Protein backbone atom coordinates (compact mmCIF):
# COMPACT_ATOMS: atom_id res chain seq x y z
CA MET A 1 -34.82 0.36 24.70
CA ASN A 2 -32.05 -2.04 25.41
CA GLN A 3 -29.90 -2.37 22.32
CA LYS A 4 -26.54 -4.02 22.09
CA SER A 5 -23.93 -2.33 19.94
CA ALA A 6 -21.81 -4.41 17.62
CA GLU A 7 -18.41 -5.10 19.10
CA LEU A 8 -15.29 -5.12 16.99
CA THR A 9 -13.65 -8.48 17.56
CA THR A 10 -10.40 -7.75 15.74
CA PRO A 11 -8.19 -4.92 16.89
CA VAL A 12 -7.65 -2.02 14.51
CA ARG A 13 -4.21 -0.50 14.70
CA ASN A 14 -3.12 2.64 12.88
CA PHE A 15 -0.16 4.96 12.55
CA SER A 16 0.09 8.22 10.60
CA VAL A 17 2.86 10.77 10.12
CA GLN A 18 3.52 13.71 7.80
CA LEU A 19 7.01 14.03 6.37
CA SER A 20 8.93 16.40 4.14
CA PRO A 21 9.13 15.30 0.48
CA THR A 22 12.90 14.93 0.59
CA PRO A 23 15.30 11.99 0.63
CA ARG A 24 15.56 12.50 4.40
CA GLY A 25 11.74 12.36 4.73
CA ALA A 26 11.60 9.16 2.67
CA ARG A 27 14.33 7.56 4.82
CA LEU A 28 12.49 8.66 7.99
CA ALA A 29 9.26 7.09 6.66
CA ARG A 30 11.02 3.73 6.35
CA LEU A 31 12.60 4.01 9.82
CA LEU A 32 9.35 5.06 11.53
CA ALA A 33 7.39 2.32 9.76
CA THR A 34 10.00 -0.24 10.85
CA GLU A 35 9.68 0.86 14.49
CA GLN A 36 5.88 0.81 14.33
CA LEU A 37 5.85 -2.69 12.82
CA ARG A 38 8.23 -3.79 15.60
CA ASN A 39 5.91 -2.29 18.24
CA TRP A 40 2.97 -4.17 16.72
CA ASP A 41 5.03 -7.42 16.65
CA LEU A 42 4.55 -7.69 12.89
CA PRO A 43 7.07 -8.94 10.32
CA LEU A 44 9.30 -6.14 9.07
CA ASP A 45 9.66 -7.37 5.52
CA PRO A 46 8.36 -6.92 2.93
CA ALA A 47 6.41 -4.02 4.51
CA ARG A 48 9.42 -1.77 5.11
CA GLN A 49 10.61 -2.33 1.53
CA ILE A 50 7.20 -1.27 0.21
CA VAL A 51 7.19 1.79 2.51
CA ALA A 52 10.66 2.71 1.26
CA GLU A 53 9.63 2.50 -2.41
CA LEU A 54 6.37 4.42 -1.97
CA ALA A 55 8.03 7.10 0.18
CA VAL A 56 10.86 7.59 -2.33
CA ASN A 57 8.26 7.94 -5.10
CA ALA A 58 6.37 10.56 -3.05
CA ALA A 59 9.57 12.48 -2.36
CA THR A 60 10.77 12.24 -5.96
CA HIS A 61 7.71 12.27 -8.22
CA GLY A 62 5.05 13.61 -5.84
CA ARG A 63 7.06 16.50 -4.51
CA VAL A 64 5.57 19.98 -4.39
CA GLN A 65 7.61 22.66 -2.65
CA GLY A 66 6.18 23.40 0.79
CA ARG A 67 3.81 20.41 0.85
CA ASP A 68 4.46 17.27 2.89
CA PHE A 69 3.54 13.67 2.14
CA ARG A 70 1.72 11.41 4.59
CA LEU A 71 2.50 7.82 5.53
CA MET A 72 -0.29 5.75 7.04
CA LEU A 73 -0.13 2.18 8.27
CA TYR A 74 -3.12 0.33 9.54
CA VAL A 75 -4.04 -3.20 10.34
CA VAL A 76 -7.53 -4.64 10.25
CA GLY A 77 -7.82 -8.35 10.83
CA ASP A 78 -4.98 -10.06 9.01
CA VAL A 79 -4.25 -7.26 6.51
CA LEU A 80 -1.63 -4.53 6.77
CA ARG A 81 -2.41 -1.54 4.56
CA ILE A 82 0.32 0.95 3.67
CA GLU A 83 -0.73 4.32 2.25
CA VAL A 84 1.45 7.16 1.02
CA THR A 85 -0.40 10.35 0.10
CA ASP A 86 1.23 13.22 -1.77
CA THR A 87 0.02 16.40 -3.43
CA ARG A 88 0.78 15.57 -7.05
CA GLY A 89 -2.59 14.14 -8.05
CA ASP A 90 -1.81 15.14 -11.63
CA ARG A 91 0.99 12.53 -11.77
CA LEU A 92 -0.46 9.05 -11.33
CA PRO A 93 2.15 6.29 -11.02
CA ARG A 94 2.44 3.54 -13.61
CA PRO A 95 4.79 0.60 -13.47
CA GLU A 96 6.98 0.59 -16.56
CA GLN A 97 9.72 -1.73 -17.66
CA PRO A 98 12.94 0.34 -17.56
CA GLY A 99 15.78 -0.32 -19.93
CA PRO A 100 18.63 -2.59 -18.81
CA GLU A 101 21.00 0.37 -18.41
CA THR A 102 18.49 2.53 -16.49
CA GLU A 103 19.39 3.00 -12.82
CA SER A 104 15.89 3.83 -11.55
CA GLY A 105 12.24 3.20 -12.36
CA ARG A 106 11.80 -0.23 -10.79
CA GLY A 107 10.06 0.80 -7.55
CA LEU A 108 6.50 0.03 -8.59
CA LEU A 109 7.59 -3.26 -10.13
CA LEU A 110 9.03 -4.15 -6.73
CA VAL A 111 5.83 -3.06 -4.95
CA ASP A 112 3.82 -5.18 -7.40
CA ALA A 113 6.03 -8.19 -6.70
CA LEU A 114 5.95 -7.81 -2.90
CA ALA A 115 2.38 -6.68 -2.16
CA ASP A 116 -0.70 -8.88 -2.28
CA ARG A 117 -2.58 -5.94 -3.82
CA TRP A 118 -1.80 -2.32 -4.60
CA GLY A 119 -3.34 0.61 -6.40
CA VAL A 120 -3.88 4.34 -6.58
CA ALA A 121 -6.74 6.33 -5.12
CA GLU A 122 -7.30 9.87 -6.30
CA GLY A 123 -8.15 12.07 -3.36
CA ARG A 124 -9.45 15.56 -2.99
CA PHE A 125 -7.48 17.69 -5.46
CA PRO A 126 -4.52 17.83 -5.59
CA ARG A 127 -3.92 14.64 -3.60
CA LYS A 128 -3.41 11.01 -4.55
CA THR A 129 -2.76 7.98 -2.39
CA VAL A 130 -0.70 5.00 -3.48
CA TRP A 131 -1.58 2.02 -1.32
CA ALA A 132 -0.40 -1.54 -0.88
CA GLU A 133 -1.82 -4.38 1.16
CA LEU A 134 -0.07 -7.33 2.74
CA ARG A 135 -1.80 -10.36 4.19
CA LEU A 136 -0.22 -11.07 7.58
CA THR A 137 -1.09 -14.76 7.61
CA SER A 138 -0.41 -17.34 4.97
CA PRO A 139 -3.39 -17.98 2.71
CA GLU A 140 -5.17 -21.27 3.25
CA PRO A 141 -4.01 -23.94 0.80
CA VAL A 142 -6.59 -24.59 -1.89
CA SER A 143 -7.93 -28.12 -1.77
CA SER A 144 -8.14 -30.00 -5.06
CA CYS A 145 -11.80 -30.71 -4.19
CA SER A 146 -12.71 -27.02 -3.97
CA GLY A 147 -14.01 -26.79 -7.52
CA ASP A 148 -11.17 -24.43 -8.47
CA SER A 149 -10.28 -25.01 -12.09
CA GLY A 150 -6.66 -24.14 -11.40
CA ALA A 151 -6.78 -21.54 -14.16
CA PRO A 152 -4.65 -18.48 -13.44
CA THR A 153 -6.50 -15.37 -12.29
CA LYS A 154 -6.18 -12.08 -14.12
CA GLN A 155 -3.63 -9.85 -12.45
CA ASN A 156 -2.94 -6.15 -12.85
CA HIS A 157 -1.39 -3.37 -10.84
CA GLU A 158 -4.66 -2.66 -9.05
CA GLY A 159 -4.06 -5.84 -7.14
CA LYS A 160 -2.94 -9.37 -7.54
CA ASN A 161 -6.53 -10.54 -7.93
CA PRO A 162 -8.86 -7.66 -8.82
CA THR A 163 -11.97 -9.82 -8.40
CA LYS A 164 -11.26 -10.36 -4.70
CA PRO A 165 -13.20 -7.97 -2.43
CA HIS A 166 -11.14 -5.23 -0.79
CA PRO A 167 -10.54 -6.18 2.85
CA LEU A 168 -10.07 -2.50 3.69
CA PRO A 169 -11.92 0.47 2.18
CA PRO A 170 -9.66 2.66 0.03
CA ALA A 171 -9.34 6.32 0.95
CA ALA A 172 -11.15 7.18 -2.28
CA ALA A 173 -12.25 5.43 -5.45
CA THR A 174 -9.60 3.05 -6.74
CA HIS A 175 -8.15 3.71 -10.17
CA SER A 176 -5.52 2.04 -12.20
CA GLY A 177 -2.25 3.87 -12.64
CA GLY A 178 -2.90 4.15 -16.40
């Protein structure tokens, strides 16, 4: 039999590192992600800002003594996916509007504003993964002849447009942070 195997036409790039759930580990996550993005010739922002927020959340809210968190970056096609996995699966993140005098609690609001899509995937107990995706190319402009009604699409913190198919498979089933 002479069969041809399917060839992958777009390169898949990935990077993974385990870090201590400390402020130093969160800072190192941002620095390592920045260097990896530079090596891949990808734009640094807003990806490094998203990495910083997710890593700080893992070090602050996902911290379990003696257990590291993992940062993963991978690119498939024109999508960069950022994943931060920690071992506090019992504490799912939810974006909340902090009070005007509150000094913290805006990280997920920032991720929501910067990412094209984001969400939470519960992993094998006790893990959870908070992920965010960034499109690396500008979306095609929508032509007025496309049949699009121009009505706004429903948005939530599982992604900017939850009816769009996921360009990358999540590590586990996707759940809202609620």
